[in-house]
Amino acid sequence: MVDRRPTEADAAPDGWGPPDPAAVLEQLPDPVIVTNAEGRLTWANQRAIEAFGVDVAGGRNRSVADFLHPDDVVTALASVESVQLKAVGTPIEVRIRDRSGSWVKYEARGWSGLHDPHVRGIVAVLRKVDDRGRWDVTGGDAGRLAAVLEWSPGLTMLLDRGGRVLAVNRAFSSILGRDVESTLGRPLPELVVDEQAAEVADVLAAIATEGGSRSFEATLLSGGTRLPTPFGFTAVNLLEDADVHAIVVSGIDIASLVESRAELAHRATHDPLTGLPNRVLVLERLDLVLRASVGTTACVGLVFCDIDGFKAINDAHGHGVGDDVLVEVARRIHSVLRRDDTAGRLGGDEMVVIALRDTVEEVEDVVRQVTQVVADPIETSAGPVRLTLSAGSATARHGARADDLLRRADAAMYAHKRARHDT
């Protein structure tokens, strides 16, 4: 360092000129200390004296270890040694006891001037970590932001590159009822329902390798007797961020949204009166069953049903009674089916049954069952109503077109209706 102090020649006509470097160093807003090669204090600026209560005269040659938290001494002394081999030292975080006796976290960065006759020591500049954080946090209050995040009703998790949980906020336990300690270190895919684990693993792998952010939904397993909870998540790759070093995953409980979606989906695919699948869902399921039957010996049966004289029931008793009849017929038909069978309403008084059986004869048994189950009178507000059901079936093996099977079953039903009318 060249000893360059201001002279009268440097002064401008108005009295201003280059500042005194020593005065600037004394009044820097951050503490600055100088140590020898062994880490013993040789000098401190005014901010260091005020912050740490250092008596430079009496404290000269005291080891910096006397001011450091015991757990940080090894790190600090190792840094003092390593900085002598570098142009500028690597920042480290240490806890230093302030003049009130409290431990305060500082970021320390050093430079070796041991071979400079004007310095003859290692210069360390210190900055409070909280102060540094204020530059990174909108609003200038890192402590407040941390508290808000901790108490936020939304769930926040930090994951490592492999998707393992490093930390969670309080909402994790309050929403899920899970023990945090047993959760830390576990991969996030292990914490979701089985059918979503692979998808979540793929999303996290993509974020870790490609960076950026992704949004996804996943249902987290809950603790105790609580049901799994669906969340909408946003994950951001901050693995390279100097302060975070993690994938940050934030989520909100979307149970009500999922329930609303399910209700809307049900309305779109089910008859609002009887609750049976509507024409769209019936054809979709029929197509799935037909495709699944390819390569098997299974017999796909479709039973087409029509209520005889239903218009007369509406004309005689009103549509309210007619609706009651449709609901009860649907209930009775459904009551005689197997769990894997599908009963549906195509519209009006037309209903169908999809039945997977081993033989054509077994499909015909379904026809007999559904016609017999509606034979007993149906109680309505207008009194008991008797009715009959016309039904016909069509079968297919090794796959077929859904609309073709529906057409053939419809034709069989009308043939049954005509035959009964003729007799």
Protein backbone atom coordinates (compact mmCIF):
# COMPACT_ATOMS: atom_id res chain seq x y z
CA MET A 1 0.00 0.00 0.00
CA VAL A 2 1.38 3.42 -1.00
CA ASP A 3 1.26 5.99 1.78
CA ARG A 4 -0.72 8.70 0.03
CA ARG A 5 -2.17 11.36 2.27
CA PRO A 6 -3.93 14.49 1.05
CA THR A 7 -1.84 17.62 0.65
CA GLU A 8 -2.73 21.26 0.26
CA ALA A 9 -2.15 20.84 -3.46
CA ASP A 10 -4.94 18.27 -3.58
CA ALA A 11 -7.47 20.62 -2.07
CA ALA A 12 -10.03 22.17 -4.37
CA PRO A 13 -10.70 25.93 -4.26
CA ASP A 14 -13.84 25.35 -2.20
CA GLY A 15 -11.88 23.45 0.44
CA TRP A 16 -12.96 19.98 -0.66
CA GLY A 17 -10.46 17.35 -1.70
CA PRO A 18 -9.59 13.65 -1.45
CA PRO A 19 -10.52 12.21 1.97
CA ASP A 20 -8.06 10.90 4.48
CA PRO A 21 -8.00 7.09 3.95
CA ALA A 22 -7.38 6.49 7.65
CA ALA A 23 -10.42 8.57 8.59
CA VAL A 24 -12.58 6.72 6.08
CA LEU A 25 -11.43 3.36 7.46
CA GLU A 26 -12.23 4.47 11.00
CA GLN A 27 -15.77 5.48 10.07
CA LEU A 28 -16.74 2.58 7.81
CA PRO A 29 -20.24 1.29 8.69
CA ASP A 30 -18.88 -2.25 9.04
CA PRO A 31 -16.41 -3.48 11.67
CA VAL A 32 -12.87 -4.01 10.38
CA ILE A 33 -10.11 -5.80 12.30
CA VAL A 34 -6.50 -6.68 11.58
CA THR A 35 -4.77 -9.78 12.99
CA ASN A 36 -1.33 -11.28 12.70
CA ALA A 37 -0.65 -14.61 11.04
CA GLU A 38 -1.65 -16.48 14.22
CA GLY A 39 -5.02 -14.75 14.45
CA ARG A 40 -4.13 -12.32 17.24
CA LEU A 41 -5.73 -8.91 17.18
CA THR A 42 -3.46 -5.98 16.20
CA TRP A 43 -5.98 -3.29 15.21
CA ALA A 44 -9.71 -2.52 15.06
CA ASN A 45 -11.65 0.39 13.57
CA GLN A 46 -14.18 2.45 15.50
CA ARG A 47 -17.16 0.31 14.45
CA ALA A 48 -15.44 -2.85 15.73
CA ILE A 49 -14.61 -1.15 19.03
CA GLU A 50 -18.26 -0.05 19.42
CA ALA A 51 -19.76 -3.38 18.37
CA PHE A 52 -17.54 -5.73 20.36
CA GLY A 53 -16.30 -3.53 23.17
CA VAL A 54 -12.71 -4.07 22.08
CA ASP A 55 -10.04 -2.19 24.01
CA VAL A 56 -7.42 -2.01 21.30
CA ALA A 57 -4.68 -0.93 23.65
CA GLY A 58 -5.49 -3.54 26.25
CA GLY A 59 -6.71 -6.12 23.80
CA ARG A 60 -3.79 -6.07 21.45
CA ASN A 61 -2.42 -9.54 20.76
CA ARG A 62 -5.57 -11.20 22.10
CA SER A 63 -6.64 -14.16 19.96
CA VAL A 64 -9.76 -13.62 17.88
CA ALA A 65 -10.88 -16.92 19.42
CA ASP A 66 -11.62 -14.97 22.60
CA PHE A 67 -14.44 -13.15 20.82
CA LEU A 68 -15.82 -16.10 18.81
CA HIS A 69 -18.42 -18.70 19.66
CA PRO A 70 -16.57 -21.91 20.63
CA ASP A 71 -18.16 -23.83 17.75
CA ASP A 72 -16.80 -21.31 15.21
CA VAL A 73 -13.19 -21.05 16.43
CA VAL A 74 -11.80 -23.85 14.26
CA THR A 75 -13.49 -22.45 11.16
CA ALA A 76 -12.16 -18.94 11.81
CA LEU A 77 -8.58 -19.98 12.50
CA ALA A 78 -8.57 -22.22 9.45
CA SER A 79 -9.75 -19.24 7.40
CA VAL A 80 -6.94 -17.07 8.84
CA GLU A 81 -4.46 -19.69 7.66
CA SER A 82 -5.99 -20.22 4.21
CA VAL A 83 -6.41 -16.51 3.40
CA GLN A 84 -2.64 -16.12 3.43
CA LEU A 85 -2.50 -18.19 0.26
CA LYS A 86 -5.24 -16.32 -1.65
CA ALA A 87 -5.72 -12.91 -3.19
CA VAL A 88 -9.03 -12.54 -1.33
CA GLY A 89 -10.48 -14.91 1.27
CA THR A 90 -13.70 -16.91 0.97
CA PRO A 91 -16.58 -15.47 3.03
CA ILE A 92 -17.38 -17.40 6.19
CA GLU A 93 -20.12 -17.00 8.79
CA VAL A 94 -19.14 -16.80 12.46
CA ARG A 95 -20.81 -15.81 15.72
CA ILE A 96 -19.12 -12.99 17.59
CA ARG A 97 -19.95 -11.85 21.11
CA ASP A 98 -21.08 -8.21 21.10
CA ARG A 99 -20.50 -5.77 23.94
CA SER A 100 -23.75 -6.90 25.64
CA GLY A 101 -22.55 -10.51 25.71
CA SER A 102 -24.94 -11.76 23.01
CA TRP A 103 -23.81 -13.89 20.09
CA VAL A 104 -24.33 -12.13 16.76
CA LYS A 105 -23.82 -13.79 13.39
CA TYR A 106 -21.42 -12.03 11.01
CA GLU A 107 -20.13 -12.73 7.54
CA ALA A 108 -16.34 -12.32 7.56
CA ARG A 109 -14.13 -11.85 4.53
CA GLY A 110 -10.40 -11.44 4.75
CA TRP A 111 -7.39 -10.22 2.76
CA SER A 112 -3.77 -10.85 3.61
CA GLY A 113 -1.57 -7.78 3.89
CA LEU A 114 1.13 -9.60 5.87
CA HIS A 115 3.74 -8.69 3.29
CA ASP A 116 2.61 -5.08 2.89
CA PRO A 117 4.76 -2.85 5.18
CA HIS A 118 1.83 -0.47 5.57
CA VAL A 119 -0.58 -3.22 6.77
CA ARG A 120 1.50 -6.03 8.30
CA GLY A 121 -1.51 -8.20 9.00
CA ILE A 122 -4.68 -9.92 7.81
CA VAL A 123 -7.57 -7.52 7.24
CA ALA A 124 -11.06 -8.86 7.96
CA VAL A 125 -14.25 -6.97 7.09
CA LEU A 126 -17.34 -8.04 9.05
CA ARG A 127 -21.03 -7.58 8.22
CA LYS A 128 -24.03 -8.69 10.21
CA VAL A 129 -25.82 -11.47 8.40
CA ASP A 130 -29.17 -9.88 9.31
CA ASP A 131 -28.02 -6.62 7.74
CA ARG A 132 -26.92 -8.40 4.61
CA GLY A 133 -30.26 -10.17 4.44
CA ARG A 134 -32.13 -6.90 4.41
CA TRP A 135 -30.78 -6.22 0.95
CA ASP A 136 -32.34 -9.48 -0.23
CA VAL A 137 -35.75 -9.14 1.40
CA THR A 138 -38.34 -6.73 0.10
CA GLY A 139 -39.43 -4.52 2.95
CA GLY A 140 -36.08 -4.74 4.71
CA ASP A 141 -37.14 -7.10 7.51
CA ALA A 142 -35.72 -10.59 7.13
CA GLY A 143 -36.83 -11.64 10.61
CA ARG A 144 -40.40 -10.66 9.95
CA LEU A 145 -40.43 -12.48 6.60
CA ALA A 146 -39.04 -15.63 8.21
CA ALA A 147 -41.76 -15.51 10.88
CA VAL A 148 -44.48 -15.00 8.28
CA LEU A 149 -43.18 -17.94 6.28
CA GLU A 150 -43.02 -20.13 9.38
CA TRP A 151 -46.60 -19.31 10.36
CA SER A 152 -48.00 -19.16 6.83
CA PRO A 153 -51.10 -21.30 6.29
CA GLY A 154 -49.51 -22.56 3.07
CA LEU A 155 -47.10 -25.49 3.16
CA THR A 156 -43.43 -24.83 2.36
CA MET A 157 -40.69 -27.43 1.96
CA LEU A 158 -37.00 -27.33 1.09
CA LEU A 159 -35.71 -30.30 -0.89
CA ASP A 160 -32.20 -31.33 -1.86
CA ARG A 161 -31.21 -32.21 -5.41
CA GLY A 162 -32.47 -35.77 -4.91
CA GLY A 163 -35.90 -34.58 -3.78
CA ARG A 164 -35.30 -35.37 -0.09
CA VAL A 165 -36.96 -33.13 2.50
CA LEU A 166 -34.50 -30.79 4.23
CA ALA A 167 -36.94 -28.55 6.09
CA VAL A 168 -40.65 -27.76 6.39
CA ASN A 169 -42.68 -24.96 7.97
CA ARG A 170 -45.28 -25.33 10.70
CA ALA A 171 -48.15 -25.82 8.27
CA PHE A 172 -46.72 -29.23 7.37
CA SER A 173 -47.61 -30.61 10.79
CA SER A 174 -50.80 -28.62 11.35
CA ILE A 175 -52.35 -29.62 8.01
CA LEU A 176 -51.08 -33.20 7.72
CA GLY A 177 -50.67 -34.19 11.36
CA ARG A 178 -47.30 -35.70 10.51
CA ASP A 179 -44.20 -35.85 12.70
CA VAL A 180 -41.57 -33.54 11.21
CA GLU A 181 -38.52 -35.40 12.56
CA SER A 182 -39.55 -38.68 10.91
CA THR A 183 -40.20 -36.82 7.66
CA LEU A 184 -36.88 -35.02 7.27
CA GLY A 185 -34.50 -36.83 4.93
CA ARG A 186 -37.27 -38.75 3.15
CA PRO A 187 -37.84 -38.29 -0.60
CA LEU A 188 -41.01 -36.33 -1.31
CA PRO A 189 -42.38 -39.10 -3.62
CA GLU A 190 -42.54 -41.36 -0.54
CA LEU A 191 -44.91 -38.88 1.11
CA VAL A 192 -47.56 -38.89 -1.64
CA VAL A 193 -50.18 -41.51 -2.48
CA ASP A 194 -48.72 -44.49 -4.35
CA GLU A 195 -50.34 -43.79 -7.71
CA GLN A 196 -48.71 -40.33 -7.89
CA ALA A 197 -45.23 -41.20 -6.63
CA ALA A 198 -43.65 -41.81 -10.06
CA GLU A 199 -45.13 -38.63 -11.52
CA VAL A 200 -43.86 -36.48 -8.63
CA ALA A 201 -40.41 -38.07 -8.89
CA ASP A 202 -40.29 -37.19 -12.61
CA VAL A 203 -41.29 -33.56 -11.93
CA LEU A 204 -38.62 -33.12 -9.25
CA ALA A 205 -35.95 -34.72 -11.44
CA ALA A 206 -36.79 -32.34 -14.28
CA ILE A 207 -36.62 -29.32 -11.98
CA ALA A 208 -33.28 -30.43 -10.54
CA THR A 209 -31.69 -30.94 -13.96
CA GLU A 210 -33.40 -28.27 -16.05
CA GLY A 211 -33.87 -25.53 -13.46
CA GLY A 212 -36.70 -23.05 -13.47
CA SER A 213 -40.04 -23.73 -11.83
CA ARG A 214 -42.87 -26.20 -12.28
CA SER A 215 -46.43 -26.41 -10.99
CA PHE A 216 -48.00 -29.76 -10.17
CA GLU A 217 -50.63 -31.38 -8.00
CA ALA A 218 -50.08 -34.20 -5.51
CA THR A 219 -51.94 -35.77 -2.62
CA LEU A 220 -49.82 -36.00 0.54
CA LEU A 221 -50.26 -38.81 3.02
CA SER A 222 -51.46 -37.62 6.41
CA GLY A 223 -50.67 -38.82 9.90
CA GLY A 224 -52.96 -40.70 12.28
CA THR A 225 -56.55 -41.07 11.11
CA ARG A 226 -56.51 -38.03 8.82
CA LEU A 227 -57.31 -38.53 5.16
CA PRO A 228 -54.66 -37.78 2.49
CA THR A 229 -54.70 -34.10 1.50
CA PRO A 230 -54.46 -32.85 -2.12
CA PHE A 231 -52.15 -29.87 -2.73
CA GLY A 232 -51.37 -27.58 -5.61
CA PHE A 233 -47.58 -27.13 -5.62
CA THR A 234 -45.07 -24.78 -7.21
CA ALA A 235 -41.45 -25.90 -7.12
CA VAL A 236 -38.53 -23.55 -7.85
CA ASN A 237 -34.92 -24.62 -8.37
CA LEU A 238 -32.77 -22.48 -6.04
CA LEU A 239 -30.01 -25.05 -5.68
CA GLU A 240 -27.44 -22.56 -6.97
CA ASP A 241 -28.69 -19.69 -4.82
CA ALA A 242 -26.01 -18.80 -2.29
CA ASP A 243 -28.53 -18.39 0.52
CA VAL A 244 -30.95 -21.24 -0.23
CA HIS A 245 -29.20 -24.24 -1.82
CA ALA A 246 -32.48 -26.11 -2.20
CA ILE A 247 -35.53 -26.75 -4.32
CA VAL A 248 -38.27 -24.66 -2.71
CA VAL A 249 -41.71 -26.26 -2.87
CA SER A 250 -44.74 -24.26 -1.77
CA GLY A 251 -48.25 -25.65 -1.73
CA ILE A 252 -51.84 -24.84 -0.84
CA ASP A 253 -54.59 -27.22 0.25
CA ILE A 254 -56.88 -27.77 -2.77
CA ALA A 255 -59.23 -30.33 -1.21
CA SER A 256 -62.27 -28.13 -1.89
CA LEU A 257 -61.11 -27.56 -5.48
CA VAL A 258 -60.61 -31.29 -6.07
CA GLU A 259 -64.05 -31.97 -4.59
CA SER A 260 -65.61 -29.34 -6.88
CA ARG A 261 -63.84 -30.81 -9.89
CA ALA A 262 -65.09 -34.29 -9.01
CA GLU A 263 -68.62 -32.96 -8.63
CA LEU A 264 -68.46 -31.19 -12.00
CA ALA A 265 -67.00 -34.29 -13.65
CA HIS A 266 -69.76 -36.41 -12.12
CA ARG A 267 -72.42 -34.01 -13.39
CA ALA A 268 -70.91 -34.10 -16.86
CA THR A 269 -70.94 -37.89 -17.02
CA HIS A 270 -73.96 -38.89 -14.92
CA ASP A 271 -77.71 -38.52 -15.21
CA PRO A 272 -78.83 -35.90 -12.66
CA LEU A 273 -82.09 -37.69 -11.88
CA THR A 274 -81.06 -41.31 -11.36
CA GLY A 275 -77.33 -40.83 -10.70
CA LEU A 276 -76.54 -43.47 -13.33
CA PRO A 277 -73.81 -42.94 -15.96
CA ASN A 278 -75.17 -40.98 -18.92
CA ARG A 279 -74.88 -41.83 -22.61
CA VAL A 280 -71.36 -40.33 -22.91
CA LEU A 281 -69.94 -42.37 -20.03
CA VAL A 282 -71.84 -45.55 -21.02
CA LEU A 283 -70.29 -45.51 -24.49
CA GLU A 284 -66.87 -44.71 -23.05
CA ARG A 285 -67.03 -47.63 -20.60
CA LEU A 286 -68.44 -49.95 -23.24
CA ASP A 287 -65.55 -49.11 -25.54
CA LEU A 288 -63.04 -49.78 -22.74
CA VAL A 289 -64.61 -53.15 -21.90
CA LEU A 290 -64.66 -54.18 -25.57
CA ARG A 291 -61.00 -53.30 -26.05
CA ALA A 292 -60.05 -55.09 -22.84
CA SER A 293 -61.85 -58.23 -24.05
CA VAL A 294 -59.57 -58.62 -27.08
CA GLY A 295 -57.44 -61.73 -26.65
CA THR A 296 -59.72 -63.19 -23.97
CA THR A 297 -62.70 -65.56 -23.96
CA ALA A 298 -64.89 -63.05 -22.15
CA CYS A 299 -68.34 -62.30 -23.52
CA VAL A 300 -69.26 -58.60 -23.46
CA GLY A 301 -73.02 -58.24 -23.04
CA LEU A 302 -75.12 -55.12 -23.47
CA VAL A 303 -78.71 -55.19 -22.20
CA PHE A 304 -81.04 -52.49 -23.55
CA CYS A 305 -84.13 -51.71 -21.42
CA ASP A 306 -87.28 -49.67 -22.09
CA ILE A 307 -90.21 -49.03 -19.69
CA ASP A 308 -93.46 -50.08 -21.35
CA GLY A 309 -96.10 -47.39 -21.37
CA PHE A 310 -93.98 -44.81 -19.57
CA LYS A 311 -95.65 -41.91 -21.41
CA ALA A 312 -99.00 -43.04 -20.06
CA ILE A 313 -97.62 -42.91 -16.50
CA ASN A 314 -96.50 -39.30 -17.04
CA ASP A 315 -99.85 -38.37 -18.63
CA ALA A 316 -101.88 -39.97 -15.85
CA HIS A 317 -99.92 -38.93 -12.79
CA GLY A 318 -97.60 -36.10 -13.86
CA HIS A 319 -93.85 -35.88 -14.46
CA GLY A 320 -93.07 -35.88 -10.73
CA VAL A 321 -94.45 -39.40 -10.40
CA GLY A 322 -92.71 -40.33 -13.64
CA ASP A 323 -89.40 -39.18 -12.18
CA ASP A 324 -90.04 -41.23 -9.03
CA VAL A 325 -90.63 -44.29 -11.21
CA LEU A 326 -87.38 -43.75 -13.16
CA VAL A 327 -85.36 -43.39 -9.94
CA GLU A 328 -86.81 -46.59 -8.47
CA VAL A 329 -86.36 -48.58 -11.69
CA ALA A 330 -82.72 -47.47 -11.84
CA ARG A 331 -82.23 -48.46 -8.19
CA ARG A 332 -83.77 -51.90 -8.71
CA ILE A 333 -81.76 -52.63 -11.86
CA HIS A 334 -78.54 -51.62 -10.12
CA SER A 335 -79.40 -53.85 -7.14
CA VAL A 336 -79.21 -57.08 -9.17
CA LEU A 337 -75.91 -56.36 -10.92
CA ARG A 338 -72.38 -57.39 -10.08
CA ARG A 339 -69.93 -54.82 -8.78
CA ASP A 340 -68.09 -54.64 -12.14
CA ASP A 341 -71.28 -54.21 -14.18
CA THR A 342 -72.42 -50.78 -15.37
CA ALA A 343 -76.02 -49.58 -15.45
CA GLY A 344 -76.68 -46.35 -17.35
CA ARG A 345 -79.48 -44.09 -18.58
CA LEU A 346 -79.36 -43.11 -22.23
CA GLY A 347 -82.27 -40.72 -21.95
CA GLY A 348 -86.00 -40.76 -21.38
CA ASP A 349 -86.99 -44.20 -20.15
CA GLU A 350 -84.13 -46.03 -21.90
CA MET A 351 -81.55 -47.72 -19.68
CA VAL A 352 -78.70 -50.11 -20.43
CA VAL A 353 -76.52 -52.59 -18.58
CA ILE A 354 -72.95 -53.51 -19.53
CA ALA A 355 -72.22 -57.01 -18.25
CA LEU A 356 -69.03 -59.01 -18.76
CA ARG A 357 -69.86 -62.72 -18.62
CA ASP A 358 -68.42 -66.06 -19.71
CA THR A 359 -71.33 -67.12 -21.95
CA VAL A 360 -74.23 -65.72 -23.92
CA GLU A 361 -76.58 -67.63 -21.62
CA GLU A 362 -75.27 -65.69 -18.61
CA VAL A 363 -75.98 -62.41 -20.42
CA GLU A 364 -79.53 -63.63 -21.02
CA ASP A 365 -79.79 -64.28 -17.28
CA VAL A 366 -79.12 -60.57 -16.75
CA VAL A 367 -82.03 -59.76 -19.06
CA ARG A 368 -84.33 -61.95 -16.97
CA GLN A 369 -83.09 -60.45 -13.71
CA VAL A 370 -83.68 -56.82 -14.71
CA THR A 371 -87.16 -57.52 -16.09
CA GLN A 372 -88.19 -59.46 -12.99
CA VAL A 373 -86.87 -56.97 -10.45
CA VAL A 374 -89.25 -54.22 -11.67
CA ALA A 375 -92.31 -56.48 -11.67
CA ASP A 376 -93.39 -55.54 -8.14
CA PRO A 377 -95.49 -52.35 -7.77
CA ILE A 378 -93.60 -49.11 -7.24
CA GLU A 379 -94.89 -46.87 -4.46
CA THR A 380 -95.38 -43.26 -5.53
CA SER A 381 -97.21 -40.18 -4.26
CA ALA A 382 -100.09 -41.16 -6.58
CA GLY A 383 -100.22 -44.68 -5.17
CA PRO A 384 -98.64 -47.94 -6.38
CA VAL A 385 -97.67 -48.08 -10.03
CA ARG A 386 -97.27 -51.32 -11.90
CA LEU A 387 -95.10 -51.52 -14.99
CA THR A 388 -93.21 -53.90 -17.21
CA LEU A 389 -89.82 -53.65 -18.81
CA SER A 390 -88.90 -54.64 -22.35
CA ALA A 391 -85.29 -55.75 -22.62
CA GLY A 392 -83.02 -57.20 -25.26
CA SER A 393 -79.33 -58.03 -25.37
CA ALA A 394 -76.41 -58.22 -27.76
CA THR A 395 -73.03 -59.84 -27.16
CA ALA A 396 -69.55 -59.56 -28.62
CA ARG A 397 -66.31 -61.48 -28.30
CA HIS A 398 -62.76 -60.48 -29.22
CA GLY A 399 -63.69 -56.82 -29.45
CA ALA A 400 -66.34 -54.93 -31.44
CA ARG A 401 -67.58 -51.40 -32.05
CA ALA A 402 -69.49 -49.89 -29.15
CA ASP A 403 -72.07 -48.19 -31.38
CA ASP A 404 -72.65 -51.47 -33.28
CA LEU A 405 -73.27 -53.39 -30.06
CA LEU A 406 -75.64 -50.66 -28.88
CA ARG A 407 -77.57 -50.77 -32.16
CA ARG A 408 -77.96 -54.56 -32.00
CA ALA A 409 -79.08 -54.49 -28.36
CA ASP A 410 -81.62 -51.76 -29.19
CA ALA A 411 -82.99 -53.87 -32.03
CA ALA A 412 -83.25 -56.92 -29.74
CA MET A 413 -85.21 -54.86 -27.18
CA TYR A 414 -87.73 -53.71 -29.80
CA ALA A 415 -88.08 -57.26 -31.05
CA HIS A 416 -88.86 -58.33 -27.47
CA LYS A 417 -91.40 -55.48 -27.12
CA ARG A 418 -93.16 -56.41 -30.40
CA ALA A 419 -93.26 -60.08 -29.51
CA ARG A 420 -94.92 -59.35 -26.16
CA HIS A 421 -97.37 -56.95 -27.82
CA ASP A 422 -98.33 -59.50 -30.46
CA THR A 423 -99.09 -62.09 -27.80
